[in-house]
Protein backbone atom coordinates (compact mmCIF):
# COMPACT_ATOMS: atom_id res chain seq x y z
CA MET A 1 0.00 0.00 0.00
CA LYS A 2 1.17 3.52 -0.73
CA SER A 3 2.22 5.60 2.24
CA GLU A 4 0.33 8.72 3.22
CA THR A 5 3.17 10.89 1.91
CA ASP A 6 2.90 9.18 -1.49
CA ALA A 7 -0.90 9.45 -1.69
CA LYS A 8 -2.38 11.15 -4.73
CA LYS A 9 -4.17 14.46 -4.48
CA ARG A 10 -7.04 12.83 -6.38
CA VAL A 11 -8.88 10.19 -4.35
CA VAL A 12 -11.58 7.93 -5.77
CA ILE A 13 -14.13 6.62 -3.24
CA LEU A 14 -16.19 3.55 -4.17
CA LEU A 15 -19.52 3.26 -2.37
CA ASN A 16 -21.91 0.37 -1.83
CA GLY A 17 -24.88 1.77 -3.71
CA GLU A 18 -25.92 1.07 -7.28
CA PRO A 19 -22.86 -0.43 -9.05
CA TYR A 20 -21.31 2.07 -11.41
CA ARG A 21 -21.44 0.83 -15.02
CA GLY A 22 -18.95 3.17 -16.65
CA GLU A 23 -15.18 3.42 -16.52
CA ILE A 24 -13.59 4.79 -13.36
CA PRO A 25 -10.53 7.06 -13.73
CA ASP A 26 -8.18 5.29 -11.34
CA LYS A 27 -4.96 6.41 -13.06
CA ASN A 28 -3.01 8.85 -10.89
CA ALA A 29 -5.57 8.43 -8.13
CA TYR A 30 -5.68 6.72 -4.75
CA VAL A 31 -8.71 4.43 -4.62
CA LEU A 32 -10.61 3.79 -1.39
CA CYS A 33 -13.21 1.01 -1.49
CA CYS A 34 -15.99 1.02 1.11
CA ASP A 35 -17.14 -2.35 2.43
CA GLY A 36 -19.67 -3.97 0.06
CA ALA A 37 -18.56 -1.86 -2.91
CA TYR A 38 -15.81 -4.45 -3.25
CA SER A 39 -18.39 -6.86 -4.68
CA TRP A 40 -18.92 -4.74 -7.80
CA ALA A 41 -15.53 -3.01 -7.96
CA LYS A 42 -13.09 -5.95 -7.76
CA GLY A 43 -11.56 -6.64 -11.15
CA LYS A 44 -13.10 -3.42 -12.53
CA VAL A 45 -10.84 -0.88 -10.89
CA LYS A 46 -7.54 -1.06 -9.01
CA ILE A 47 -8.10 -0.70 -5.26
CA ASP A 48 -5.43 0.80 -3.03
CA GLU A 49 -7.26 0.45 0.27
CA ASN A 50 -10.39 -1.24 1.60
CA LEU A 51 -12.09 0.19 4.66
CA GLY A 52 -15.32 -0.03 6.63
CA ASP A 53 -17.08 -2.40 8.99
CA PHE A 54 -17.49 -5.13 6.32
CA ASP A 55 -20.94 -6.07 7.55
CA SER A 56 -22.18 -6.40 3.95
CA LEU A 57 -19.31 -8.41 2.49
CA ASP A 58 -18.96 -12.20 2.51
CA GLU A 59 -15.26 -12.34 1.66
CA ILE A 60 -11.96 -10.84 2.77
CA PRO A 61 -11.13 -8.03 0.33
CA VAL A 62 -7.77 -7.56 -1.35
CA PRO A 63 -5.78 -5.68 -0.23
CA ALA A 64 -6.65 -6.62 3.34
CA PRO A 65 -8.06 -3.70 5.34
CA LEU A 66 -5.74 -1.97 7.77
CA LYS A 67 -8.55 -1.80 10.34
CA LYS A 68 -12.04 -3.18 10.76
CA PHE A 69 -14.49 -0.64 12.16
CA PRO A 70 -17.41 -1.68 14.39
CA SER A 71 -20.75 -2.06 12.61
CA GLU A 72 -22.46 0.05 15.29
CA LYS A 73 -20.89 3.46 14.77
CA ASP A 74 -21.96 7.03 14.11
CA GLU A 75 -20.32 7.41 10.68
CA THR A 76 -21.16 5.60 7.47
CA ASP A 77 -18.32 3.84 5.67
CA GLY A 78 -18.48 6.67 3.13
CA GLU A 79 -17.81 9.27 5.81
CA LEU A 80 -14.90 7.20 7.12
CA ALA A 81 -13.52 7.23 3.58
CA VAL A 82 -13.84 11.02 3.32
CA ASP A 83 -12.01 11.42 6.64
CA ARG A 84 -9.29 9.10 5.38
CA ALA A 85 -9.00 10.94 2.06
CA LEU A 86 -8.65 14.32 3.77
CA ARG A 87 -5.95 12.92 6.04
CA LEU A 88 -4.15 11.78 2.90
CA GLY A 89 -4.17 15.36 1.68
CA ALA A 90 -6.76 14.94 -1.06
CA THR A 91 -7.75 18.05 -2.99
CA GLU A 92 -10.15 16.24 -5.33
CA LEU A 93 -12.64 13.52 -4.38
CA LEU A 94 -14.57 11.43 -6.91
CA PHE A 95 -17.40 9.23 -5.60
CA TYR A 96 -18.73 6.25 -7.59
CA GLY A 97 -21.50 3.82 -6.62
CA GLY A 98 -23.21 6.38 -4.37
CA GLY A 99 -26.59 6.52 -6.10
CA GLY A 100 -29.61 4.23 -6.02
CA ARG A 101 -30.43 1.26 -3.81
CA ARG A 102 -30.64 3.12 -0.46
CA GLU A 103 -32.16 6.59 -0.67
CA ASP A 104 -31.08 7.41 2.90
CA HIS A 105 -27.47 6.67 2.00
CA PHE A 106 -27.79 8.65 -1.24
CA LEU A 107 -28.97 11.72 0.68
CA GLY A 108 -26.19 11.17 3.18
CA ASN A 109 -23.69 11.03 0.32
CA LEU A 110 -24.75 14.54 -0.72
CA HIS A 111 -23.74 15.68 2.74
CA LEU A 112 -20.35 14.07 2.18
CA LEU A 113 -19.86 16.51 -0.71
CA HIS A 114 -20.30 19.31 1.84
CA LYS A 115 -17.88 17.65 4.27
CA ALA A 116 -15.25 17.32 1.55
CA LYS A 117 -15.72 20.96 0.55
CA GLU A 118 -15.37 22.10 4.16
CA GLY A 119 -12.20 20.01 4.37
CA GLY A 120 -10.64 21.88 1.46
CA SER A 121 -11.34 19.42 -1.35
CA THR A 122 -13.53 19.56 -4.41
CA ALA A 123 -15.94 16.63 -4.63
CA VAL A 124 -18.04 15.05 -7.38
CA LEU A 125 -20.60 12.25 -7.01
CA VAL A 126 -20.94 10.30 -10.26
CA THR A 127 -23.96 8.01 -10.64
CA ASN A 128 -25.19 6.07 -13.65
CA GLY A 129 -27.62 8.91 -14.39
CA ALA A 130 -25.91 12.14 -13.41
CA THR A 131 -22.88 14.00 -12.13
CA ILE A 132 -23.47 15.93 -8.91
CA THR A 133 -21.20 18.67 -7.59
CA LEU A 134 -21.57 21.01 -4.62
CA VAL A 135 -20.22 24.51 -5.17
CA GLY A 136 -19.90 27.49 -2.87
CA GLU A 137 -19.52 31.21 -3.39
CA GLY A 138 -17.55 32.31 -6.44
CA GLU A 139 -17.34 31.76 -10.19
CA CYS A 140 -18.34 28.29 -11.43
CA ARG A 141 -17.74 26.75 -14.87
CA PHE A 142 -18.76 23.36 -16.24
CA SER A 143 -18.10 21.72 -19.60
CA CYS A 144 -21.12 19.49 -19.94
CA GLY A 145 -22.48 19.50 -23.47
CA LYS A 146 -26.16 20.02 -24.16
CA LYS A 147 -27.73 18.34 -21.17
CA ILE A 148 -30.35 18.97 -18.51
CA VAL A 149 -28.80 20.93 -15.64
CA SER A 150 -30.48 21.44 -12.28
CA LEU A 151 -29.37 23.91 -9.61
CA LEU A 152 -30.59 23.30 -6.08
CA PRO A 153 -29.78 25.19 -2.88
CA PHE A 154 -28.07 23.13 -0.20
CA GLY A 155 -28.50 23.95 3.48
CA GLY A 156 -30.29 27.26 2.95
CA GLU A 157 -31.03 30.00 0.45
CA ALA A 158 -28.66 30.48 -2.49
CA HIS A 159 -28.17 33.49 -4.73
CA ILE A 160 -26.87 33.09 -8.31
CA MET A 161 -25.95 35.75 -10.88
CA SER A 162 -24.23 36.05 -14.29
CA MET A 163 -25.59 32.79 -15.73
CA ARG A 164 -24.35 31.86 -19.21
CA GLY A 165 -24.75 28.90 -21.53
CA LEU A 166 -28.17 27.88 -20.20
CA LYS A 167 -31.63 28.23 -21.74
CA TYR A 168 -32.96 30.14 -18.75
CA THR A 169 -30.55 32.79 -17.50
CA PRO A 170 -32.26 35.21 -15.11
CA ALA A 171 -30.00 38.09 -14.16
CA ASP A 172 -30.65 37.52 -10.47
CA LEU A 173 -31.67 34.01 -9.41
CA ARG A 174 -32.57 33.27 -5.81
CA LEU A 175 -33.03 29.62 -4.89
CA TYR A 176 -35.05 29.07 -1.75
CA TYR A 177 -34.61 26.00 0.43
CA GLY A 178 -37.76 23.93 0.04
CA SER A 179 -38.42 25.07 -3.54
CA THR A 180 -37.78 23.22 -6.83
CA HIS A 181 -37.31 26.43 -8.83
CA GLY A 182 -33.85 25.53 -10.20
CA ILE A 183 -34.70 22.07 -11.58
CA SER A 184 -34.53 21.17 -15.30
CA ASN A 185 -32.69 24.00 -16.96
CA VAL A 186 -30.99 23.09 -20.25
CA ALA A 187 -27.42 23.73 -21.38
CA VAL A 188 -27.45 25.28 -24.85
CA GLU A 189 -23.66 25.67 -25.13
CA GLU A 190 -20.77 23.31 -24.44
CA GLU A 191 -19.77 25.31 -21.36
CA ILE A 192 -22.02 26.84 -18.74
CA SER A 193 -21.04 29.34 -16.08
CA PHE A 194 -22.55 31.30 -13.21
CA ARG A 195 -21.50 33.11 -10.07
CA VAL A 196 -22.72 32.07 -6.62
CA GLU A 197 -23.14 35.20 -4.53
CA GLN A 198 -24.51 33.44 -1.45
CA GLY A 199 -24.89 29.90 -0.13
CA GLU A 200 -24.09 26.49 -1.58
CA VAL A 201 -25.56 24.99 -4.75
CA LEU A 202 -25.90 21.40 -5.90
CA VAL A 203 -25.17 21.25 -9.62
CA ILE A 204 -26.77 18.15 -11.14
CA ILE A 205 -25.85 17.42 -14.76
CA ASN A 206 -27.87 14.59 -16.25
CA GLU A 207 -25.99 11.98 -18.28
CA GLU A 208 -28.22 11.95 -21.37
CA GLU A 209 -28.07 14.76 -23.88
CA VAL A 210 -31.27 16.58 -24.82
């Protein structure tokens, strides 16, 4: 196993949700596999480290875990992986297998995007249907092609300005927590951009082109 000082700035985290069907960019990345994700990830992607409580796995994973966590604990295996990644000095986290199967875990995985951001890392959750990113205040740019793009406030009200590349580009967009106002916009250019003036925004880019 690579030492912490040799760890990559990009960390891939494999989660035990719906198995990811696409290719996973494990080159130049440190790959953490959470518990039952090993069942769908073994042989598909190189794994640098397995971790979790292994309550949903019927075999000993390879490489052998450094530590087995108790099944009764406050954190999910995904949160343990985020903590581990931040200790490794990660500046970019990519989550795969975090959608579907258990909606409670999926919603919890969105909170892991916030935890990663607070820890100084960018974070992207890639499912079979969409790419989900949490952004904070500042200029945001995405190269996404002509796809459905949804913007949702996370944790409270969000304020967006200077939207470009989308079908609907109000000069001053306020997203209220508890409203669906930002769902189902459409990218009309290869690159979209906007500036977040206040709050945090979930950017959900659907996989299929319109």
